[in-house]
N, C-alpha and C. Protein backbone atom coordinates (compact mmCIF):
# COMPACT_ATOMS: atom_id res chain seq x y z
N MET A 1 32.92 110.25 144.45
CA MET A 1 33.90 109.18 144.52
C MET A 1 33.60 108.15 143.42
N ALA A 2 34.63 107.65 142.80
CA ALA A 2 34.46 106.69 141.71
C ALA A 2 33.94 105.36 142.24
N GLU A 3 33.10 104.73 141.43
CA GLU A 3 32.56 103.43 141.82
C GLU A 3 33.67 102.39 141.72
N GLU A 4 33.75 101.50 142.72
CA GLU A 4 34.79 100.50 142.73
C GLU A 4 34.45 99.35 141.79
N LYS A 5 35.47 98.73 141.24
CA LYS A 5 35.32 97.62 140.32
C LYS A 5 34.78 96.40 141.05
N SER A 6 33.91 95.65 140.40
CA SER A 6 33.43 94.38 140.94
C SER A 6 34.38 93.28 140.50
N TYR A 7 34.62 92.33 141.39
CA TYR A 7 35.49 91.20 141.09
C TYR A 7 34.64 89.93 141.09
N TYR A 8 34.41 89.38 139.91
CA TYR A 8 33.60 88.18 139.77
C TYR A 8 34.45 86.96 140.12
N MET A 9 33.87 86.08 140.94
CA MET A 9 34.60 84.88 141.34
C MET A 9 33.63 83.83 141.86
N THR A 10 34.14 82.61 141.90
CA THR A 10 33.36 81.53 142.49
C THR A 10 33.52 81.60 144.00
N GLU A 11 32.68 80.88 144.70
CA GLU A 11 32.80 80.81 146.17
C GLU A 11 34.16 80.24 146.54
N GLU A 12 34.61 79.24 145.78
CA GLU A 12 35.92 78.62 146.00
C GLU A 12 37.05 79.64 145.82
N GLY A 13 36.93 80.46 144.80
CA GLY A 13 37.94 81.49 144.54
C GLY A 13 38.00 82.51 145.66
N LYS A 14 36.85 82.89 146.19
CA LYS A 14 36.81 83.85 147.29
C LYS A 14 37.46 83.26 148.53
N GLU A 15 37.17 82.00 148.82
CA GLU A 15 37.78 81.33 149.97
C GLU A 15 39.30 81.29 149.85
N LYS A 16 39.78 81.08 148.64
CA LYS A 16 41.23 81.06 148.39
C LYS A 16 41.85 82.43 148.70
N LEU A 17 41.18 83.50 148.29
CA LEU A 17 41.67 84.85 148.57
C LEU A 17 41.65 85.15 150.07
N ILE A 18 40.60 84.70 150.75
CA ILE A 18 40.50 84.91 152.20
C ILE A 18 41.64 84.20 152.92
N LYS A 19 41.96 82.98 152.50
CA LYS A 19 43.07 82.23 153.11
C LYS A 19 44.41 82.94 152.87
N GLU A 20 44.61 83.42 151.64
CA GLU A 20 45.85 84.14 151.35
C GLU A 20 45.96 85.40 152.20
N LEU A 21 44.86 86.13 152.34
CA LEU A 21 44.85 87.34 153.15
C LEU A 21 45.19 87.02 154.60
N GLU A 22 44.59 85.99 155.14
CA GLU A 22 44.86 85.58 156.52
C GLU A 22 46.34 85.22 156.71
N TYR A 23 46.91 84.49 155.75
CA TYR A 23 48.33 84.12 155.82
C TYR A 23 49.22 85.37 155.81
N LEU A 24 48.93 86.30 154.90
CA LEU A 24 49.74 87.51 154.81
C LEU A 24 49.67 88.33 156.09
N LYS A 25 48.49 88.43 156.68
CA LYS A 25 48.31 89.25 157.88
C LYS A 25 48.91 88.60 159.12
N THR A 26 48.79 87.28 159.25
CA THR A 26 49.22 86.62 160.48
C THR A 26 50.65 86.10 160.45
N GLU A 27 51.11 85.62 159.31
CA GLU A 27 52.44 85.02 159.26
C GLU A 27 53.46 85.86 158.49
N LYS A 28 53.12 86.22 157.26
CA LYS A 28 54.09 86.89 156.39
C LYS A 28 54.51 88.25 156.95
N ARG A 29 53.55 89.01 157.48
CA ARG A 29 53.87 90.31 158.07
C ARG A 29 54.92 90.16 159.17
N LYS A 30 54.72 89.16 160.04
CA LYS A 30 55.66 88.93 161.15
C LYS A 30 57.04 88.56 160.64
N GLU A 31 57.10 87.72 159.62
CA GLU A 31 58.38 87.32 159.02
C GLU A 31 59.13 88.54 158.50
N VAL A 32 58.43 89.41 157.79
CA VAL A 32 59.06 90.59 157.20
C VAL A 32 59.54 91.55 158.28
N VAL A 33 58.73 91.76 159.31
CA VAL A 33 59.13 92.64 160.41
C VAL A 33 60.38 92.09 161.08
N GLU A 34 60.45 90.79 161.25
CA GLU A 34 61.64 90.16 161.86
C GLU A 34 62.87 90.36 160.97
N ARG A 35 62.71 90.23 159.66
CA ARG A 35 63.82 90.46 158.73
C ARG A 35 64.31 91.90 158.81
N ILE A 36 63.38 92.84 158.97
CA ILE A 36 63.76 94.26 159.08
C ILE A 36 64.56 94.47 160.37
N LYS A 37 64.11 93.88 161.46
CA LYS A 37 64.83 94.01 162.75
C LYS A 37 66.25 93.48 162.63
N ILE A 38 66.39 92.31 162.02
CA ILE A 38 67.71 91.70 161.87
C ILE A 38 68.59 92.58 160.98
N ALA A 39 68.03 93.07 159.88
CA ALA A 39 68.80 93.90 158.94
C ALA A 39 69.24 95.21 159.59
N ARG A 40 68.42 95.77 160.47
CA ARG A 40 68.80 97.00 161.18
C ARG A 40 70.05 96.78 162.03
N GLY A 41 70.18 95.55 162.53
CA GLY A 41 71.33 95.22 163.36
C GLY A 41 72.65 95.19 162.59
N PHE A 42 72.58 95.20 161.26
CA PHE A 42 73.80 95.15 160.45
C PHE A 42 74.48 96.51 160.34
N GLY A 43 73.89 97.54 160.92
CA GLY A 43 74.54 98.85 160.92
C GLY A 43 73.93 99.84 159.95
N ASP A 44 74.79 100.63 159.34
CA ASP A 44 74.43 101.75 158.47
C ASP A 44 73.33 101.37 157.47
N LEU A 45 72.14 101.98 157.62
CA LEU A 45 71.00 101.65 156.78
C LEU A 45 71.13 102.17 155.35
N SER A 46 71.97 103.20 155.15
CA SER A 46 72.10 103.78 153.81
C SER A 46 72.79 102.83 152.83
N GLU A 47 73.57 101.88 153.33
CA GLU A 47 74.26 100.94 152.44
C GLU A 47 73.91 99.50 152.81
N ASN A 48 72.72 99.27 153.32
CA ASN A 48 72.33 97.97 153.82
C ASN A 48 71.33 97.33 152.86
N SER A 49 71.82 96.44 152.01
CA SER A 49 70.96 95.83 150.99
C SER A 49 69.91 94.90 151.60
N GLU A 50 70.24 94.23 152.71
CA GLU A 50 69.28 93.36 153.38
C GLU A 50 68.09 94.18 153.89
N TYR A 51 68.39 95.36 154.43
CA TYR A 51 67.34 96.23 154.94
C TYR A 51 66.46 96.72 153.78
N ASP A 52 67.10 97.14 152.70
CA ASP A 52 66.35 97.61 151.53
C ASP A 52 65.43 96.51 150.97
N ALA A 53 65.96 95.29 150.88
CA ALA A 53 65.18 94.17 150.37
C ALA A 53 63.99 93.87 151.29
N ALA A 54 64.23 93.91 152.59
CA ALA A 54 63.15 93.64 153.55
C ALA A 54 62.08 94.72 153.48
N LYS A 55 62.48 95.97 153.33
CA LYS A 55 61.51 97.07 153.22
C LYS A 55 60.71 96.95 151.92
N ASP A 56 61.37 96.54 150.84
CA ASP A 56 60.67 96.32 149.57
C ASP A 56 59.64 95.20 149.71
N GLU A 57 60.04 94.13 150.38
CA GLU A 57 59.11 93.02 150.59
C GLU A 57 57.93 93.46 151.46
N GLN A 58 58.21 94.28 152.46
CA GLN A 58 57.14 94.79 153.32
C GLN A 58 56.14 95.61 152.50
N ALA A 59 56.64 96.44 151.61
CA ALA A 59 55.77 97.25 150.75
C ALA A 59 54.92 96.35 149.86
N PHE A 60 55.54 95.29 149.32
CA PHE A 60 54.80 94.36 148.47
C PHE A 60 53.69 93.66 149.26
N VAL A 61 54.03 93.17 150.45
CA VAL A 61 53.05 92.46 151.28
C VAL A 61 51.89 93.38 151.64
N GLU A 62 52.18 94.61 152.03
CA GLU A 62 51.13 95.56 152.41
C GLU A 62 50.23 95.91 151.23
N SER A 63 50.82 96.07 150.04
CA SER A 63 49.99 96.38 148.87
C SER A 63 49.14 95.18 148.47
N ARG A 64 49.68 93.98 148.62
CA ARG A 64 48.90 92.77 148.31
C ARG A 64 47.74 92.62 149.29
N ILE A 65 47.99 92.90 150.57
CA ILE A 65 46.92 92.85 151.57
C ILE A 65 45.81 93.83 151.20
N ALA A 66 46.19 95.04 150.84
CA ALA A 66 45.20 96.06 150.47
C ALA A 66 44.39 95.61 149.25
N MET A 67 45.08 95.02 148.27
CA MET A 67 44.41 94.55 147.06
C MET A 67 43.44 93.42 147.37
N LEU A 68 43.88 92.46 148.18
CA LEU A 68 43.02 91.33 148.54
C LEU A 68 41.78 91.81 149.31
N GLU A 69 41.97 92.74 150.24
CA GLU A 69 40.83 93.27 150.99
C GLU A 69 39.83 93.93 150.05
N LYS A 70 40.34 94.66 149.07
CA LYS A 70 39.46 95.33 148.10
C LYS A 70 38.72 94.30 147.24
N MET A 71 39.42 93.27 146.80
CA MET A 71 38.81 92.24 145.96
C MET A 71 37.73 91.48 146.72
N ILE A 72 38.01 91.16 147.98
CA ILE A 72 37.03 90.42 148.79
C ILE A 72 35.82 91.30 149.08
N ARG A 73 36.07 92.57 149.41
CA ARG A 73 34.99 93.51 149.72
C ARG A 73 34.07 93.72 148.51
N ASN A 74 34.65 93.72 147.31
CA ASN A 74 33.87 93.99 146.09
C ASN A 74 33.60 92.73 145.28
N SER A 75 33.68 91.58 145.93
CA SER A 75 33.47 90.33 145.20
C SER A 75 32.00 90.14 144.85
N VAL A 76 31.79 89.55 143.70
CA VAL A 76 30.45 89.17 143.25
C VAL A 76 30.55 87.67 142.94
N ILE A 77 29.81 86.89 143.69
CA ILE A 77 29.88 85.44 143.53
C ILE A 77 29.13 85.03 142.26
N ILE A 78 29.77 84.20 141.47
CA ILE A 78 29.18 83.69 140.24
C ILE A 78 28.20 82.59 140.61
N GLU A 79 26.96 82.80 140.26
CA GLU A 79 25.91 81.79 140.49
C GLU A 79 25.85 80.88 139.28
N SER A 80 25.71 79.58 139.51
CA SER A 80 25.64 78.68 138.36
C SER A 80 24.25 78.76 137.73
N ASP A 81 24.26 78.82 136.42
CA ASP A 81 23.03 78.94 135.64
C ASP A 81 22.73 77.57 135.04
N ASN A 82 21.96 76.76 135.77
CA ASN A 82 21.68 75.40 135.31
C ASN A 82 20.55 75.34 134.30
N GLU A 83 19.81 76.43 134.13
CA GLU A 83 18.66 76.42 133.23
C GLU A 83 19.07 76.45 131.76
N ASN A 84 20.05 77.28 131.42
CA ASN A 84 20.45 77.41 130.03
C ASN A 84 21.82 76.76 129.84
N THR A 85 21.81 75.48 129.57
CA THR A 85 23.07 74.73 129.49
C THR A 85 23.78 74.86 128.16
N ASN A 86 23.16 75.47 127.16
CA ASN A 86 23.79 75.60 125.85
C ASN A 86 24.45 76.95 125.63
N THR A 87 24.29 77.89 126.58
CA THR A 87 24.82 79.24 126.41
C THR A 87 26.05 79.43 127.28
N VAL A 88 27.07 80.05 126.71
CA VAL A 88 28.31 80.32 127.44
C VAL A 88 28.08 81.51 128.38
N THR A 89 28.26 81.26 129.67
CA THR A 89 28.14 82.32 130.68
C THR A 89 29.29 82.19 131.66
N LEU A 90 29.42 83.20 132.50
CA LEU A 90 30.45 83.22 133.53
C LEU A 90 30.29 82.01 134.44
N GLY A 91 31.39 81.33 134.72
CA GLY A 91 31.37 80.18 135.61
C GLY A 91 31.22 78.85 134.90
N LYS A 92 30.96 78.86 133.60
CA LYS A 92 30.77 77.61 132.86
C LYS A 92 32.05 77.20 132.15
N GLN A 93 32.14 75.88 131.94
CA GLN A 93 33.25 75.33 131.16
C GLN A 93 32.79 75.21 129.71
N VAL A 94 33.60 75.72 128.81
CA VAL A 94 33.24 75.68 127.39
C VAL A 94 34.33 74.90 126.64
N THR A 95 33.87 74.03 125.75
CA THR A 95 34.78 73.26 124.90
C THR A 95 34.71 73.85 123.51
N ILE A 96 35.88 74.19 122.97
CA ILE A 96 35.94 74.79 121.63
C ILE A 96 36.96 74.06 120.77
N ALA A 97 36.85 74.26 119.48
CA ALA A 97 37.84 73.75 118.54
C ALA A 97 38.10 74.85 117.51
N GLU A 98 39.37 75.11 117.26
CA GLU A 98 39.72 76.10 116.24
C GLU A 98 39.43 75.53 114.86
N ILE A 99 38.82 76.35 114.02
CA ILE A 99 38.51 75.94 112.65
C ILE A 99 39.64 76.46 111.76
N LEU A 100 40.29 75.56 111.08
CA LEU A 100 41.41 75.91 110.20
C LEU A 100 40.90 76.43 108.86
N PRO A 101 41.75 77.13 108.09
CA PRO A 101 41.31 77.67 106.79
C PRO A 101 40.74 76.62 105.84
N ASP A 102 41.20 75.36 105.96
CA ASP A 102 40.68 74.31 105.07
C ASP A 102 39.36 73.71 105.59
N GLY A 103 38.86 74.24 106.72
CA GLY A 103 37.58 73.78 107.25
C GLY A 103 37.70 72.69 108.31
N SER A 104 38.91 72.11 108.41
CA SER A 104 39.09 71.08 109.44
C SER A 104 39.24 71.74 110.82
N GLU A 105 39.17 70.94 111.86
CA GLU A 105 39.24 71.48 113.22
C GLU A 105 40.49 71.00 113.94
N GLU A 106 41.03 71.90 114.75
CA GLU A 106 42.14 71.55 115.65
C GLU A 106 41.59 70.69 116.78
N GLU A 107 42.48 70.22 117.63
CA GLU A 107 42.08 69.46 118.81
C GLU A 107 41.24 70.34 119.73
N GLU A 108 40.27 69.74 120.40
CA GLU A 108 39.39 70.50 121.30
C GLU A 108 40.15 71.02 122.51
N GLU A 109 39.74 72.20 122.97
CA GLU A 109 40.31 72.81 124.18
C GLU A 109 39.16 73.17 125.10
N LYS A 110 39.40 73.03 126.42
CA LYS A 110 38.37 73.35 127.40
C LYS A 110 38.84 74.51 128.26
N TYR A 111 37.93 75.46 128.46
CA TYR A 111 38.20 76.62 129.32
C TYR A 111 37.02 76.84 130.24
N THR A 112 37.33 77.25 131.47
CA THR A 112 36.29 77.69 132.39
C THR A 112 36.39 79.20 132.45
N ILE A 113 35.29 79.88 132.24
CA ILE A 113 35.30 81.35 132.25
C ILE A 113 35.01 81.82 133.66
N VAL A 114 36.00 82.51 134.23
CA VAL A 114 35.92 82.99 135.61
C VAL A 114 36.22 84.49 135.64
N GLY A 115 36.05 85.09 136.80
CA GLY A 115 36.41 86.49 136.97
C GLY A 115 37.92 86.65 136.94
N SER A 116 38.38 87.86 136.71
CA SER A 116 39.82 88.11 136.58
C SER A 116 40.59 87.74 137.85
N ALA A 117 39.93 87.78 139.01
CA ALA A 117 40.59 87.49 140.28
C ALA A 117 41.06 86.04 140.36
N GLU A 118 40.38 85.11 139.69
CA GLU A 118 40.79 83.71 139.79
C GLU A 118 41.26 83.11 138.46
N ALA A 119 41.49 83.95 137.48
CA ALA A 119 41.98 83.44 136.20
C ALA A 119 43.32 82.76 136.37
N ASP A 120 43.47 81.61 135.73
CA ASP A 120 44.72 80.85 135.75
C ASP A 120 44.77 80.02 134.48
N PRO A 121 45.36 80.58 133.41
CA PRO A 121 45.37 79.89 132.13
C PRO A 121 45.99 78.49 132.19
N PHE A 122 46.94 78.26 133.11
CA PHE A 122 47.56 76.95 133.22
C PHE A 122 46.59 75.90 133.74
N GLU A 123 45.54 76.35 134.43
CA GLU A 123 44.50 75.44 134.92
C GLU A 123 43.26 75.49 134.04
N GLY A 124 43.34 76.18 132.91
CA GLY A 124 42.22 76.27 131.99
C GLY A 124 41.15 77.26 132.43
N LYS A 125 41.50 78.17 133.34
CA LYS A 125 40.55 79.19 133.81
C LYS A 125 40.93 80.51 133.17
N ILE A 126 40.03 81.02 132.31
CA ILE A 126 40.33 82.28 131.63
C ILE A 126 39.43 83.39 132.16
N SER A 127 39.98 84.59 132.17
CA SER A 127 39.27 85.76 132.68
C SER A 127 38.14 86.15 131.75
N ASN A 128 37.05 86.59 132.37
CA ASN A 128 35.92 87.09 131.58
C ASN A 128 36.30 88.35 130.79
N ASP A 129 37.43 88.98 131.13
CA ASP A 129 37.91 90.16 130.42
C ASP A 129 38.83 89.82 129.24
N SER A 130 39.18 88.53 129.10
CA SER A 130 40.09 88.12 128.03
C SER A 130 39.38 88.17 126.67
N PRO A 131 40.14 88.36 125.59
CA PRO A 131 39.52 88.39 124.26
C PRO A 131 38.73 87.10 123.94
N MET A 132 39.28 85.96 124.35
CA MET A 132 38.60 84.68 124.09
C MET A 132 37.25 84.64 124.80
N ALA A 133 37.24 84.94 126.10
CA ALA A 133 36.00 84.88 126.87
C ALA A 133 34.98 85.90 126.37
N MET A 134 35.44 87.12 126.10
CA MET A 134 34.51 88.15 125.63
C MET A 134 33.84 87.74 124.31
N SER A 135 34.57 87.03 123.46
CA SER A 135 34.00 86.57 122.19
C SER A 135 33.01 85.43 122.39
N LEU A 136 33.23 84.61 123.43
CA LEU A 136 32.39 83.43 123.65
C LEU A 136 31.15 83.69 124.50
N LEU A 137 31.22 84.65 125.42
CA LEU A 137 30.10 84.90 126.33
C LEU A 137 28.82 85.21 125.57
N GLY A 138 27.74 84.54 125.96
CA GLY A 138 26.44 84.74 125.33
C GLY A 138 26.21 83.89 124.10
N ARG A 139 27.23 83.22 123.62
CA ARG A 139 27.11 82.38 122.42
C ARG A 139 26.63 80.98 122.82
N GLN A 140 26.22 80.19 121.81
CA GLN A 140 25.64 78.88 122.10
C GLN A 140 26.40 77.76 121.40
N VAL A 141 26.16 76.54 121.89
CA VAL A 141 26.78 75.35 121.32
C VAL A 141 26.47 75.30 119.83
N GLY A 142 27.50 74.99 119.04
CA GLY A 142 27.36 74.90 117.59
C GLY A 142 27.73 76.17 116.85
N GLU A 143 27.75 77.30 117.54
CA GLU A 143 28.07 78.57 116.87
C GLU A 143 29.56 78.64 116.53
N GLU A 144 29.84 79.33 115.42
CA GLU A 144 31.22 79.64 115.04
C GLU A 144 31.46 81.09 115.42
N VAL A 145 32.60 81.33 116.05
CA VAL A 145 32.90 82.65 116.61
C VAL A 145 34.29 83.09 116.16
N ILE A 146 34.40 84.37 115.79
CA ILE A 146 35.70 84.95 115.45
C ILE A 146 36.26 85.56 116.74
N VAL A 147 37.50 85.18 117.08
CA VAL A 147 38.15 85.68 118.29
C VAL A 147 39.36 86.51 117.89
N GLN A 148 39.42 87.73 118.39
CA GLN A 148 40.58 88.60 118.16
C GLN A 148 41.66 88.23 119.18
N THR A 149 42.80 87.76 118.72
CA THR A 149 43.90 87.42 119.62
C THR A 149 45.09 88.30 119.26
N PRO A 150 46.08 88.36 120.16
CA PRO A 150 47.29 89.14 119.83
C PRO A 150 47.97 88.67 118.55
N GLY A 151 47.79 87.39 118.22
CA GLY A 151 48.39 86.85 117.01
C GLY A 151 47.51 86.96 115.78
N GLY A 152 46.36 87.59 115.91
CA GLY A 152 45.44 87.74 114.79
C GLY A 152 44.12 87.05 115.08
N GLU A 153 43.23 87.08 114.10
CA GLU A 153 41.91 86.47 114.26
C GLU A 153 41.99 84.96 114.15
N ILE A 154 41.18 84.29 114.98
CA ILE A 154 41.00 82.85 114.82
C ILE A 154 39.50 82.58 114.83
N LYS A 155 39.12 81.50 114.18
CA LYS A 155 37.72 81.12 114.14
C LYS A 155 37.59 79.83 114.95
N VAL A 156 36.63 79.82 115.89
CA VAL A 156 36.42 78.64 116.72
C VAL A 156 34.95 78.22 116.66
N ARG A 157 34.73 76.94 116.94
CA ARG A 157 33.37 76.41 117.04
C ARG A 157 33.16 75.97 118.48
N ILE A 158 32.01 76.36 119.03
CA ILE A 158 31.66 75.96 120.39
C ILE A 158 31.10 74.54 120.34
N LYS A 159 31.78 73.62 120.99
CA LYS A 159 31.41 72.22 120.94
C LYS A 159 30.51 71.79 122.10
N ASP A 160 30.76 72.37 123.31
CA ASP A 160 30.01 71.95 124.47
C ASP A 160 30.10 73.03 125.55
N VAL A 161 29.07 73.09 126.39
CA VAL A 161 29.04 74.02 127.52
C VAL A 161 28.55 73.24 128.74
N LYS A 162 29.28 73.32 129.83
CA LYS A 162 28.88 72.61 131.06
C LYS A 162 28.85 73.58 132.22
């Protein structure tokens, strides 16, 4: 049997997944089952779009439950590494600045490197599997790093690690 993937996350991220799982199992499942019952009452199921939509939603909810259970079961909690504060590691916030061709720097950007399960670019949390994070992991404050992005290579300088 193939080894299951590990899902790196913070304790906070795991708690968030557990809450979502509980909601889906206790509330959302019941809502969907009720929608299916109501839709069945509309008659012929072969031409019943409400029934089809409810069944699709049920399939989505069940697959999400299965995924969450797998992620929680295979979670690996990110331990904070307070000893090496200058090295970029999982769970740390890194401040970078893009270095322009003329040598000047763009405005600083801050990212927290987290596991893929809790990545949220809008909150500044990037996945450890992303090109940016993979280029930064293991590097230290002051280093210049080339990052392969979909738009081409960019050069960044690591300004701070917390």
